[in-house]
Amino acid sequence: MSLMFVNARICANLRFFYHHTPFYTLTFMRKPLTPSQCVVLALAWAALCFIVLTSSPQIDGMLILTILISGALVFIPIVKALKKK
């Protein structure tokens, strides 16, 4: 099998899946985070930030911006999950 045929087959399968699966089941049908999952996610994020900050030769604006954006990506779903309970 050629690589082009394999890639075309994968694209066809994905197109079939997304075409026959309603949009709301792909995005909105998921279990909310439990409090223990929220704690584990927050601790993992804090540990990764600690590793990045201690291994970085200099702390500049791009590093701080990246950490702030990653914090928003981690903590917005956590806050939403905790507000639902």
Protein backbone atom coordinates (compact mmCIF):
# COMPACT_ATOMS: atom_id res chain seq x y z
CA MET A 1 0.00 0.00 0.00
CA SER A 2 1.28 3.40 -0.84
CA LEU A 3 1.47 6.12 1.77
CA MET A 4 -0.88 8.34 -0.23
CA PHE A 5 -3.54 5.60 -0.21
CA VAL A 6 -3.20 5.13 3.56
CA ASN A 7 -3.51 8.89 4.19
CA ALA A 8 -6.56 9.10 1.93
CA ARG A 9 -8.16 6.17 3.76
CA ILE A 10 -7.55 7.79 7.17
CA CYS A 11 -9.06 11.06 5.93
CA ALA A 12 -12.09 9.21 4.56
CA ASN A 13 -12.61 7.42 7.88
CA LEU A 14 -12.38 10.68 9.84
CA ARG A 15 -14.75 12.40 7.43
CA PHE A 16 -17.24 9.52 7.87
CA PHE A 17 -16.93 9.71 11.68
CA TYR A 18 -17.45 13.45 11.92
CA HIS A 19 -20.19 13.43 9.31
CA HIS A 20 -22.25 10.78 11.11
CA THR A 21 -21.59 11.92 14.66
CA PRO A 22 -23.60 14.92 15.91
CA PHE A 23 -21.51 17.92 16.89
CA TYR A 24 -22.85 18.09 20.44
CA THR A 25 -21.65 14.58 21.27
CA LEU A 26 -18.09 15.52 20.32
CA THR A 27 -17.84 18.60 22.52
CA PHE A 28 -20.49 18.75 25.23
CA MET A 29 -21.08 15.16 26.28
CA ARG A 30 -18.31 14.62 28.81
CA LYS A 31 -18.21 13.97 32.51
CA PRO A 32 -17.41 16.92 34.76
CA LEU A 33 -14.12 16.90 36.60
CA THR A 34 -14.14 15.52 40.12
CA PRO A 35 -12.47 17.53 42.89
CA SER A 36 -9.62 15.02 43.09
CA GLN A 37 -9.03 15.35 39.34
CA CYS A 38 -8.98 19.13 39.74
CA VAL A 39 -6.34 18.85 42.47
CA VAL A 40 -4.19 16.48 40.39
CA LEU A 41 -4.40 18.78 37.34
CA ALA A 42 -3.49 21.85 39.39
CA LEU A 43 -0.54 20.09 41.05
CA ALA A 44 0.71 18.76 37.71
CA TRP A 45 0.51 22.26 36.22
CA ALA A 46 2.34 23.74 39.22
CA ALA A 47 5.06 21.07 38.99
CA LEU A 48 5.57 21.69 35.28
CA CYS A 49 5.74 25.45 35.86
CA PHE A 50 8.31 24.90 38.60
CA ILE A 51 10.42 22.75 36.28
CA VAL A 52 10.21 25.31 33.48
CA LEU A 53 11.04 28.24 35.77
CA THR A 54 13.99 26.55 37.45
CA SER A 55 15.49 25.19 34.23
CA SER A 56 15.12 28.40 32.25
CA PRO A 57 18.32 30.45 31.94
CA GLN A 58 16.37 33.70 32.04
CA ILE A 59 12.80 34.64 32.82
CA ASP A 60 11.52 36.95 30.12
CA GLY A 61 8.16 38.21 28.96
CA MET A 62 7.46 35.34 26.59
CA LEU A 63 7.98 32.79 29.36
CA ILE A 64 5.65 34.65 31.71
CA LEU A 65 3.04 35.02 28.96
CA THR A 66 3.26 31.30 28.17
CA ILE A 67 2.80 30.38 31.83
CA LEU A 68 -0.19 32.74 32.13
CA ILE A 69 -1.86 31.31 29.04
CA SER A 70 -1.22 27.74 30.19
CA GLY A 71 -2.66 28.65 33.58
CA ALA A 72 -5.80 29.95 31.93
CA LEU A 73 -6.10 26.77 29.85
CA VAL A 74 -5.77 24.66 33.00
CA PHE A 75 -7.73 26.66 35.56
CA ILE A 76 -10.74 27.85 33.54
CA PRO A 77 -12.08 24.27 33.14
CA ILE A 78 -11.26 23.57 36.79
CA VAL A 79 -13.22 26.61 37.97
CA LYS A 80 -16.13 25.71 35.69
CA ALA A 81 -16.18 22.15 37.05
CA LEU A 82 -16.10 23.34 40.65
CA LYS A 83 -18.87 25.92 40.07
CA LYS A 84 -21.19 23.21 38.70
CA LYS A 85 -21.00 21.28 41.97
